[in-house]
C-alpha atoms as a PDB file:
ATOM      1  CA  MET A   1      -0.389  -0.970 -19.429  1.00  0.00           C
ATOM      2  CA  LYS A   2      -3.641   0.524 -20.638  1.00  0.00           C
ATOM      3  CA  LYS A   3      -5.944  -1.911 -22.340  1.00  0.00           C
ATOM      4  CA  ILE A   4      -8.934  -0.709 -24.363  1.00  0.00           C
ATOM      5  CA  LEU A   5     -11.672  -3.046 -25.481  1.00  0.00           C
ATOM      6  CA  TRP A   6     -13.517  -1.714 -28.545  1.00  0.00           C
ATOM      7  CA  PHE A   7     -16.562  -3.552 -29.769  1.00  0.00           C
ATOM      8  CA  SER A   8     -17.490  -1.126 -32.538  1.00  0.00           C
ATOM      9  CA  MET A   9     -15.414   1.069 -34.802  1.00  0.00           C
ATOM     10  CA  MET A  10     -18.549   3.158 -35.172  1.00  0.00           C
ATOM     11  CA  VAL A  11     -18.064   4.398 -31.617  1.00  0.00           C
ATOM     12  CA  VAL A  12     -14.544   5.536 -32.402  1.00  0.00           C
ATOM     13  CA  GLY A  13     -15.624   7.198 -35.617  1.00  0.00           C
ATOM     14  CA  PHE A  14     -18.448   9.012 -33.909  1.00  0.00           C
ATOM     15  CA  VAL A  15     -16.138  10.304 -31.163  1.00  0.00           C
ATOM     16  CA  LEU A  16     -13.582  11.580 -33.674  1.00  0.00           C
ATOM     17  CA  THR A  17     -16.294  13.206 -35.765  1.00  0.00           C
ATOM     18  CA  GLY A  18     -17.637  14.915 -32.651  1.00  0.00           C
ATOM     19  CA  PHE A  19     -14.277  16.369 -31.738  1.00  0.00           C
ATOM     20  CA  ALA A  20     -13.730  17.592 -35.278  1.00  0.00           C
ATOM     21  CA  ALA A  21     -17.007  19.483 -35.088  1.00  0.00           C
ATOM     22  CA  GLY A  22     -16.157  20.967 -31.711  1.00  0.00           C
ATOM     23  CA  MET A  23     -18.763  18.906 -29.895  1.00  0.00           C
ATOM     24  CA  PRO A  24     -18.261  18.032 -26.196  1.00  0.00           C
ATOM     25  CA  GLN A  25     -17.143  14.456 -25.714  1.00  0.00           C
ATOM     26  CA  ALA A  26     -20.199  13.555 -23.616  1.00  0.00           C
ATOM     27  CA  ALA A  27     -22.446  14.088 -26.650  1.00  0.00           C
ATOM     28  CA  ALA A  28     -20.321  11.636 -28.661  1.00  0.00           C
ATOM     29  CA  ILE A  29     -20.887   8.611 -26.410  1.00  0.00           C
ATOM     30  CA  GLU A  30     -23.094   5.934 -27.916  1.00  0.00           C
ATOM     31  CA  GLY A  31     -23.960   2.879 -25.867  1.00  0.00           C
ATOM     32  CA  ILE A  32     -21.614   2.317 -22.923  1.00  0.00           C
ATOM     33  CA  HIS A  33     -18.130   3.657 -22.300  1.00  0.00           C
ATOM     34  CA  TYR A  34     -16.657   2.293 -19.075  1.00  0.00           C
ATOM     35  CA  ASP A  35     -13.597   3.827 -17.424  1.00  0.00           C
ATOM     36  CA  GLY A  36     -12.066   3.308 -13.993  1.00  0.00           C
ATOM     37  CA  SER A  37     -11.195   0.403 -11.722  1.00  0.00           C
ATOM     38  CA  SER A  38      -8.882  -2.160 -13.275  1.00  0.00           C
ATOM     39  CA  GLN A  39     -10.175  -4.751 -10.814  1.00  0.00           C
ATOM     40  CA  ILE A  40     -13.729  -4.306 -12.081  1.00  0.00           C
ATOM     41  CA  TYR A  41     -12.540  -4.387 -15.685  1.00  0.00           C
ATOM     42  CA  TRP A  42     -10.828  -7.749 -15.180  1.00  0.00           C
ATOM     43  CA  ALA A  43     -13.417  -9.176 -12.778  1.00  0.00           C
ATOM     44  CA  PHE A  44     -16.463  -8.793 -15.034  1.00  0.00           C
ATOM     45  CA  VAL A  45     -16.591  -5.835 -17.441  1.00  0.00           C
ATOM     46  CA  LYS A  46     -14.187  -7.316 -19.999  1.00  0.00           C
ATOM     47  CA  ASP A  47     -15.829 -10.736 -20.148  1.00  0.00           C
ATOM     48  CA  THR A  48     -19.455  -9.541 -20.202  1.00  0.00           C
ATOM     49  CA  ALA A  49     -19.238  -6.782 -22.824  1.00  0.00           C
ATOM     50  CA  GLU A  50     -19.899  -9.023 -25.818  1.00  0.00           C
ATOM     51  CA  HIS A  51     -22.812 -10.783 -24.107  1.00  0.00           C
ATOM     52  CA  PHE A  52     -24.392  -7.433 -23.163  1.00  0.00           C
ATOM     53  CA  THR A  53     -24.039  -6.220 -26.757  1.00  0.00           C
ATOM     54  CA  LYS A  54     -25.673  -9.371 -28.148  1.00  0.00           C
ATOM     55  CA  GLU A  55     -28.532  -9.055 -25.678  1.00  0.00           C
ATOM     56  CA  THR A  56     -29.219  -5.336 -26.080  1.00  0.00           C
ATOM     57  CA  GLY A  57     -27.603  -4.242 -29.323  1.00  0.00           C
ATOM     58  CA  LEU A  58     -25.672  -1.596 -27.377  1.00  0.00           C
ATOM     59  CA  LYS A  59     -21.946  -1.299 -28.017  1.00  0.00           C
ATOM     60  CA  VAL A  60     -19.486  -1.335 -25.105  1.00  0.00           C
ATOM     61  CA  ALA A  61     -16.088   0.351 -24.914  1.00  0.00           C
ATOM     62  CA  ALA A  62     -14.125  -0.404 -21.727  1.00  0.00           C
ATOM     63  CA  GLU A  63     -10.879   1.056 -20.432  1.00  0.00           C
ATOM     64  CA  ASP A  64      -8.581  -0.712 -17.955  1.00  0.00           C
ATOM     65  CA  ARG A  65      -7.378   2.130 -15.733  1.00  0.00           C
ATOM     66  CA  LYS A  66      -7.832   2.993 -12.035  1.00  0.00           C
ATOM     67  CA  THR A  67     -10.617   3.869  -9.595  1.00  0.00           C
ATOM     68  CA  GLN A  68      -9.226   7.394  -9.273  1.00  0.00           C
ATOM     69  CA  ASP A  69      -9.758   7.908 -13.026  1.00  0.00           C
ATOM     70  CA  ALA A  70     -13.500   7.238 -12.889  1.00  0.00           C
ATOM     71  CA  VAL A  71     -14.770  10.597 -11.608  1.00  0.00           C
ATOM     72  CA  PRO A  72     -12.567  12.854 -13.790  1.00  0.00           C
ATOM     73  CA  SER A  73     -13.579  10.743 -16.771  1.00  0.00           C
ATOM     74  CA  LEU A  74     -17.271  11.066 -15.950  1.00  0.00           C
ATOM     75  CA  ILE A  75     -17.057  14.821 -15.414  1.00  0.00           C
ATOM     76  CA  SER A  76     -15.141  15.411 -18.640  1.00  0.00           C
ATOM     77  CA  GLY A  77     -17.556  13.265 -20.639  1.00  0.00           C
ATOM     78  CA  ARG A  78     -14.912  10.694 -21.509  1.00  0.00           C
ATOM     79  CA  CYS A  79     -17.161   7.921 -20.155  1.00  0.00           C
ATOM     80  CA  ASN A  80     -20.729   7.419 -18.960  1.00  0.00           C
ATOM     81  CA  VAL A  81     -20.006   4.586 -16.494  1.00  0.00           C
ATOM     82  CA  GLY A  82     -17.185   4.878 -13.969  1.00  0.00           C
ATOM     83  CA  GLY A  83     -15.896   1.888 -12.009  1.00  0.00           C
ATOM     84  CA  LEU A  84     -14.859   2.215  -8.366  1.00  0.00           C
ATOM     85  CA  ALA A  85     -13.633  -0.477  -5.969  1.00  0.00           C
ATOM     86  CA  ARG A  86     -14.783   1.699  -3.073  1.00  0.00           C
ATOM     87  CA  LYS A  87     -17.439   4.325  -2.325  1.00  0.00           C
ATOM     88  CA  LEU A  88     -17.160   7.827  -3.737  1.00  0.00           C
ATOM     89  CA  LYS A  89     -14.988  10.117  -1.620  1.00  0.00           C
ATOM     90  CA  LEU A  90     -16.351  13.420  -0.311  1.00  0.00           C
ATOM     91  CA  ALA A  91     -13.748  15.258  -2.378  1.00  0.00           C
ATOM     92  CA  GLU A  92     -15.003  13.478  -5.495  1.00  0.00           C
ATOM     93  CA  LYS A  93     -18.635  14.270  -4.726  1.00  0.00           C
ATOM     94  CA  ALA A  94     -17.682  17.923  -4.343  1.00  0.00           C
ATOM     95  CA  GLN A  95     -16.489  18.012  -7.959  1.00  0.00           C
ATOM     96  CA  ALA A  96     -20.003  17.492  -9.325  1.00  0.00           C
ATOM     97  CA  GLN A  97     -23.308  17.634  -7.475  1.00  0.00           C
ATOM     98  CA  ASP A  98     -25.004  14.957  -9.561  1.00  0.00           C
ATOM     99  CA  LEU A  99     -22.555  12.065  -9.099  1.00  0.00           C
ATOM    100  CA  THR A 100     -24.350   8.841  -8.167  1.00  0.00           C
ATOM    101  CA  GLU A 101     -22.889   5.506  -7.064  1.00  0.00           C
ATOM    102  CA  THR A 102     -24.603   2.143  -7.464  1.00  0.00           C
ATOM    103  CA  LEU A 103     -23.344  -0.926  -5.617  1.00  0.00           C
ATOM    104  CA  ILE A 104     -22.873  -3.718  -8.159  1.00  0.00           C
ATOM    105  CA  ALA A 105     -21.180  -6.461  -6.141  1.00  0.00           C
ATOM    106  CA  ARG A 106     -19.335  -7.325  -2.977  1.00  0.00           C
ATOM    107  CA  ASP A 107     -15.925  -8.749  -3.629  1.00  0.00           C
ATOM    108  CA  TYR A 108     -13.079 -10.453  -1.840  1.00  0.00           C
ATOM    109  CA  MET A 109      -9.462  -9.457  -2.346  1.00  0.00           C
ATOM    110  CA  ALA A 110      -7.566 -12.616  -3.189  1.00  0.00           C
ATOM    111  CA  VAL A 111      -3.910 -13.132  -2.302  1.00  0.00           C
ATOM    112  CA  PHE A 112      -2.291 -15.324  -4.941  1.00  0.00           C
ATOM    113  CA  VAL A 113       0.979 -17.155  -5.586  1.00  0.00           C
ATOM    114  CA  PRO A 114       2.301 -19.360  -8.426  1.00  0.00           C
ATOM    115  CA  ARG A 115       0.178 -22.421  -9.119  1.00  0.00           C
ATOM    116  CA  ASP A 116       2.949 -24.827  -8.071  1.00  0.00           C
ATOM    117  CA  SER A 117       3.727 -23.056  -4.784  1.00  0.00           C
ATOM    118  CA  LYS A 118       3.593 -25.158  -1.622  1.00  0.00           C
ATOM    119  CA  VAL A 119       2.083 -22.271   0.347  1.00  0.00           C
ATOM    120  CA  GLU A 120      -1.583 -22.892   1.127  1.00  0.00           C
ATOM    121  CA  SER A 121      -2.695 -20.531   3.876  1.00  0.00           C
ATOM    122  CA  LEU A 122      -1.467 -17.382   5.637  1.00  0.00           C
ATOM    123  CA  THR A 123      -2.712 -15.191   8.460  1.00  0.00           C
ATOM    124  CA  VAL A 124      -3.225 -11.451   8.129  1.00  0.00           C
ATOM    125  CA  GLN A 125      -0.120 -11.010  10.281  1.00  0.00           C
ATOM    126  CA  ASP A 126       1.831 -13.233   7.877  1.00  0.00           C
ATOM    127  CA  LEU A 127       0.686 -11.032   4.996  1.00  0.00           C
ATOM    128  CA  LYS A 128       1.840  -7.906   6.775  1.00  0.00           C
ATOM    129  CA  LYS A 129       5.286  -9.390   7.351  1.00  0.00           C
ATOM    130  CA  VAL A 130       5.646 -10.586   3.755  1.00  0.00           C
ATOM    131  CA  PHE A 131       4.380  -7.450   2.035  1.00  0.00           C
ATOM    132  CA  SER A 132       6.405  -5.175   4.324  1.00  0.00           C
ATOM    133  CA  GLY A 133       9.600  -7.142   3.680  1.00  0.00           C
ATOM    134  CA  GLN A 134      10.012  -8.518   7.206  1.00  0.00           C
ATOM    135  CA  VAL A 135       9.768 -12.014   5.705  1.00  0.00           C
ATOM    136  CA  THR A 136      11.585 -12.456   2.393  1.00  0.00           C
ATOM    137  CA  ASP A 137      12.015 -16.228   1.876  1.00  0.00           C
ATOM    138  CA  TRP A 138       9.283 -18.646   0.854  1.00  0.00           C
ATOM    139  CA  LYS A 139      10.548 -21.284   3.280  1.00  0.00           C
ATOM    140  CA  ASP A 140       9.497 -19.078   6.185  1.00  0.00           C
ATOM    141  CA  ILE A 141       5.845 -19.282   5.140  1.00  0.00           C
ATOM    142  CA  GLY A 142       5.708 -22.935   4.116  1.00  0.00           C
ATOM    143  CA  GLY A 143       7.126 -22.795   0.599  1.00  0.00           C
ATOM    144  CA  ALA A 144      10.316 -24.012  -1.073  1.00  0.00           C
ATOM    145  CA  PRO A 145      13.435 -21.913  -0.326  1.00  0.00           C
ATOM    146  CA  GLY A 146      13.797 -18.811  -2.475  1.00  0.00           C
ATOM    147  CA  ARG A 147      13.280 -15.063  -2.473  1.00  0.00           C
ATOM    148  CA  ILE A 148       9.725 -13.768  -2.382  1.00  0.00           C
ATOM    149  CA  GLN A 149       8.909 -11.107  -4.973  1.00  0.00           C
ATOM    150  CA  VAL A 150       6.102  -8.808  -3.843  1.00  0.00           C
ATOM    151  CA  VAL A 151       3.994  -7.434  -6.711  1.00  0.00           C
ATOM    152  CA  ILE A 152       1.256  -4.851  -6.125  1.00  0.00           C
ATOM    153  CA  PRO A 153      -0.969  -2.475  -8.086  1.00  0.00           C
ATOM    154  CA  GLN A 154      -0.075   1.216  -8.006  1.00  0.00           C
ATOM    155  CA  ILE A 155      -0.222   2.741  -4.519  1.00  0.00           C
ATOM    156  CA  LYS A 156      -3.230   4.967  -5.298  1.00  0.00           C
ATOM    157  CA  THR A 157      -5.404   2.222  -6.777  1.00  0.00           C
ATOM    158  CA  ALA A 158      -8.428   1.277  -4.692  1.00  0.00           C
ATOM    159  CA  CYS A 159      -7.099  -2.286  -4.595  1.00  0.00           C
ATOM    160  CA  THR A 160      -3.909  -1.212  -2.797  1.00  0.00           C
ATOM    161  CA  VAL A 161      -5.692   1.376  -0.648  1.00  0.00           C
ATOM    162  CA  ASN A 162      -8.086  -1.345   0.537  1.00  0.00           C
ATOM    163  CA  PHE A 163      -5.232  -3.793   1.149  1.00  0.00           C
ATOM    164  CA  ARG A 164      -3.240  -1.205   3.068  1.00  0.00           C
ATOM    165  CA  GLU A 165      -6.209  -0.427   5.324  1.00  0.00           C
ATOM    166  CA  GLN A 166      -7.039  -4.069   6.025  1.00  0.00           C
ATOM    167  CA  VAL A 167      -3.538  -5.549   6.230  1.00  0.00           C
ATOM    168  CA  MET A 168      -0.633  -3.105   6.294  1.00  0.00           C
ATOM    169  CA  GLY A 169      -1.756  -0.403   8.717  1.00  0.00           C
ATOM    170  CA  ASP A 170       1.116   2.066   9.033  1.00  0.00           C
ATOM    171  CA  ASP A 171       3.772  -0.348   7.727  1.00  0.00           C
ATOM    172  CA  PRO A 172       5.231   0.498   4.295  1.00  0.00           C
ATOM    173  CA  PHE A 173       5.530  -2.042   1.502  1.00  0.00           C
ATOM    174  CA  ALA A 174       8.892  -3.805   1.031  1.00  0.00           C
ATOM    175  CA  LYS A 175      11.552  -1.635  -0.617  1.00  0.00           C
ATOM    176  CA  ASP A 176      11.970  -4.017  -3.568  1.00  0.00           C
ATOM    177  CA  THR A 177       8.234  -4.284  -4.243  1.00  0.00           C
ATOM    178  CA  LEU A 178       7.367  -4.367  -7.942  1.00  0.00           C
ATOM    179  CA  ILE A 179       4.618  -1.795  -8.478  1.00  0.00           C
ATOM    180  CA  THR A 180       2.450  -2.167 -11.594  1.00  0.00           C
ATOM    181  CA  GLU A 181       0.332   0.520 -13.225  1.00  0.00           C
ATOM    182  CA  THR A 182      -3.038  -1.151 -12.702  1.00  0.00           C
ATOM    183  CA  ALA A 183      -4.573  -3.967 -10.710  1.00  0.00           C
ATOM    184  CA  GLY A 184      -4.938  -6.051 -13.861  1.00  0.00           C
ATOM    185  CA  ALA A 185      -1.241  -5.647 -14.671  1.00  0.00           C
ATOM    186  CA  VAL A 186      -0.247  -7.625 -11.574  1.00  0.00           C
ATOM    187  CA  LEU A 187      -1.458 -10.786 -13.303  1.00  0.00           C
ATOM    188  CA  GLU A 188       1.048 -10.324 -16.119  1.00  0.00           C
ATOM    189  CA  ALA A 189       3.854  -9.147 -13.836  1.00  0.00           C
ATOM    190  CA  ALA A 190       3.450 -12.082 -11.448  1.00  0.00           C
ATOM    191  CA  LYS A 191       3.553 -14.744 -14.182  1.00  0.00           C
ATOM    192  CA  ALA A 192       7.269 -14.500 -14.768  1.00  0.00           C
ATOM    193  CA  LYS A 193       8.312 -14.379 -11.118  1.00  0.00           C
ATOM    194  CA  PRO A 194       7.924 -16.430  -7.911  1.00  0.00           C
ATOM    195  CA  ALA A 195       5.636 -13.655  -6.716  1.00  0.00           C
ATOM    196  CA  ILE A 196       2.902 -12.990  -4.193  1.00  0.00           C
ATOM    197  CA  SER A 197       0.254 -10.401  -4.944  1.00  0.00           C
ATOM    198  CA  TYR A 198      -3.420  -9.504  -4.504  1.00  0.00           C
ATOM    199  CA  ILE A 199      -6.350  -8.495  -6.667  1.00  0.00           C
ATOM    200  CA  SER A 200     -10.111  -8.948  -6.893  1.00  0.00           C
ATOM    201  CA  PHE A 201     -11.001 -12.619  -6.512  1.00  0.00           C
ATOM    202  CA  GLY A 202     -13.153 -12.244  -9.615  1.00  0.00           C
ATOM    203  CA  ALA A 203     -10.107 -11.181 -11.626  1.00  0.00           C
ATOM    204  CA  VAL A 204      -7.809 -14.046 -10.597  1.00  0.00           C
ATOM    205  CA  SER A 205     -10.311 -16.866 -10.096  1.00  0.00           C
ATOM    206  CA  LYS A 206     -10.417 -17.559 -13.852  1.00  0.00           C
ATOM    207  CA  SER A 207      -6.625 -17.877 -14.213  1.00  0.00           C
ATOM    208  CA  ALA A 208      -4.911 -21.273 -14.259  1.00  0.00           C
ATOM    209  CA  ASP A 209      -1.508 -19.679 -13.592  1.00  0.00           C
ATOM    210  CA  PHE A 210      -2.054 -18.939  -9.913  1.00  0.00           C
ATOM    211  CA  LYS A 211      -3.182 -20.398  -6.618  1.00  0.00           C
ATOM    212  CA  VAL A 212      -5.440 -18.310  -4.380  1.00  0.00           C
ATOM    213  CA  LEU A 213      -4.409 -18.658  -0.737  1.00  0.00           C
ATOM    214  CA  LYS A 214      -6.586 -19.183   2.272  1.00  0.00           C
ATOM    215  CA  ILE A 215      -6.364 -16.290   4.721  1.00  0.00           C
ATOM    216  CA  GLU A 216      -6.932 -17.109   8.387  1.00  0.00           C
ATOM    217  CA  GLY A 217      -7.911 -20.558   7.123  1.00  0.00           C
ATOM    218  CA  LYS A 218     -10.750 -19.150   5.001  1.00  0.00           C
ATOM    219  CA  GLN A 219     -11.248 -19.168   1.238  1.00  0.00           C
ATOM    220  CA  PRO A 220     -12.481 -15.965  -0.450  1.00  0.00           C
ATOM    221  CA  GLY A 221     -16.255 -15.926  -0.233  1.00  0.00           C
ATOM    222  CA  SER A 222     -16.537 -18.018   2.912  1.00  0.00           C
ATOM    223  CA  ALA A 223     -17.815 -16.621   6.191  1.00  0.00           C
ATOM    224  CA  GLY A 224     -15.096 -14.856   8.120  1.00  0.00           C
ATOM    225  CA  TYR A 225     -12.756 -14.214   5.185  1.00  0.00           C
ATOM    226  CA  PRO A 226     -11.069 -10.952   6.247  1.00  0.00           C
ATOM    227  CA  LEU A 227     -10.252  -9.132   2.978  1.00  0.00           C
ATOM    228  CA  VAL A 228     -13.468  -7.605   1.672  1.00  0.00           C
ATOM    229  CA  GLN A 229     -14.242  -4.766  -0.717  1.00  0.00           C
ATOM    230  CA  GLU A 230     -17.189  -3.380  -2.679  1.00  0.00           C
ATOM    231  CA  MET A 231     -17.529  -2.565  -6.365  1.00  0.00           C
ATOM    232  CA  TYR A 232     -19.568   0.379  -7.614  1.00  0.00           C
ATOM    233  CA  PHE A 233     -20.611   1.965 -10.887  1.00  0.00           C
ATOM    234  CA  ALA A 234     -20.627   5.760 -10.733  1.00  0.00           C
ATOM    235  CA  THR A 235     -22.764   7.871 -13.076  1.00  0.00           C
ATOM    236  CA  LYS A 236     -23.659  11.503 -13.599  1.00  0.00           C
ATOM    237  CA  GLY A 237     -27.159  11.702 -12.213  1.00  0.00           C
ATOM    238  CA  GLN A 238     -29.446   8.749 -11.656  1.00  0.00           C
ATOM    239  CA  PRO A 239     -28.859   5.959 -14.200  1.00  0.00           C
ATOM    240  CA  GLU A 240     -31.177   6.211 -17.176  1.00  0.00           C
ATOM    241  CA  GLY A 241     -31.405   5.095 -20.778  1.00  0.00           C
ATOM    242  CA  ASP A 242     -28.536   2.913 -22.007  1.00  0.00           C
ATOM    243  CA  VAL A 243     -26.621   3.333 -18.762  1.00  0.00           C
ATOM    244  CA  LYS A 244     -29.564   2.046 -16.729  1.00  0.00           C
ATOM    245  CA  LYS A 245     -29.817  -0.967 -19.027  1.00  0.00           C
ATOM    246  CA  TYR A 246     -26.145  -1.699 -18.403  1.00  0.00           C
ATOM    247  CA  ILE A 247     -26.445  -1.427 -14.633  1.00  0.00           C
ATOM    248  CA  ASP A 248     -29.659  -3.469 -14.579  1.00  0.00           C
ATOM    249  CA  PHE A 249     -27.848  -6.160 -16.603  1.00  0.00           C
ATOM    250  CA  PHE A 250     -25.737  -6.823 -13.499  1.00  0.00           C
ATOM    251  CA  LEU A 251     -28.381  -6.140 -10.866  1.00  0.00           C
ATOM    252  CA  LYS A 252     -31.354  -7.905 -12.430  1.00  0.00           C
ATOM    253  CA  GLY A 253     -30.293  -9.592 -15.649  1.00  0.00           C
ATOM    254  CA  ALA A 254     -27.892 -12.156 -17.055  1.00  0.00           C
ATOM    255  CA  GLY A 255     -24.929 -10.242 -15.683  1.00  0.00           C
ATOM    256  CA  ARG A 256     -25.707 -11.533 -12.200  1.00  0.00           C
ATOM    257  CA  GLY A 257     -24.749 -15.009 -13.345  1.00  0.00           C
ATOM    258  CA  PHE A 258     -21.414 -13.719 -14.617  1.00  0.00           C
ATOM    259  CA  LEU A 259     -20.732 -12.069 -11.266  1.00  0.00           C
ATOM    260  CA  GLU A 260     -21.527 -15.231  -9.348  1.00  0.00           C
ATOM    261  CA  LYS A 261     -19.393 -17.349 -11.682  1.00  0.00           C
ATOM    262  CA  ALA A 262     -16.472 -14.998 -11.062  1.00  0.00           C
ATOM    263  CA  GLY A 263     -16.848 -15.484  -7.315  1.00  0.00           C
ATOM    264  CA  LEU A 264     -18.500 -12.124  -6.614  1.00  0.00           C
ATOM    265  CA  PHE A 265     -21.688 -11.513  -4.681  1.00  0.00           C
ATOM    266  CA  PRO A 266     -24.180  -9.445  -6.733  1.00  0.00           C
ATOM    267  CA  ALA A 267     -25.892  -6.579  -4.946  1.00  0.00           C
ATOM    268  CA  GLN A 268     -29.607  -6.818  -4.331  1.00  0.00           C
END
C-alpha cells in the first residue's frame, strides 16, 4: 500500500499548476520530495520530516515505495531525493551520467516475530529453513506449536534482495509465503498473523507489536551480527541547495540523533 506524507498543500498545488502549464515536473519541486526505499521511509524519513521542516522551513513530501523506484523517479523529476537500501547498480548509473549516491547510515536487517512468541534466537541456517518452508511449525524453533506464516517484502525490494543474498542463497522462499508490496507493509501484514518476517531494524525497533530476534546469538547492532545493509540517498548531480541541507541534516545535524535512536549507525 502506497503511503504519501504531505506536509504542505502548497507543494501539491505548485506541482499541479506546473503540469497545467506544461512545465517539467522537476521544476515544480519545492523543498524535498523523497521517493524510494520503504525501509528508509519507515526507519527515519517519516519520523524526521516534521522536525526538518521546523528547523529549516523547507517542506518535505515522502513516498513509501521501493528502492527500484528511486532512480526512475529522480530521472523523471518526480523526486529530488531517492532512497536506496543498497548501492546504485551499474545499469542504473547508465541511465543518467550525473547520478550520485550518498551513504546516510549502516543498518541491520531485523528478523521479527509476535511480541508474545517464545522464540528468542535463531541461526542463519534456521532462518533459511524457516523462510524456505523446510521448517513450518513454531515448536521446531523453540515456540509454541502452530504453523509459521512467512511474510516478506516484494521480491525485487532491496530488503528482500539483501536477505536472499545473506540468508537464502539459491533456495526459494516457501510456497505459501505472504508477499507484501513494500518493506513497510510487512509490519501491517504481520500484526494479524503468527508471522516471522524481516525489515530494517530502524523500522521495527519502534514497534511494541513485535520481538526482534537474536541471530547467531547477536542482537542487531552488536559486533558479529550477520544481517547488514547500507542506506543511501541518491541525487541528480552533487547535492546542493535544499537537497544538500536535507542530506546534511542526517550527516551533520539533528538527524544523526534520530538515526541513532532508531538503532542505525550514521555515516561519517
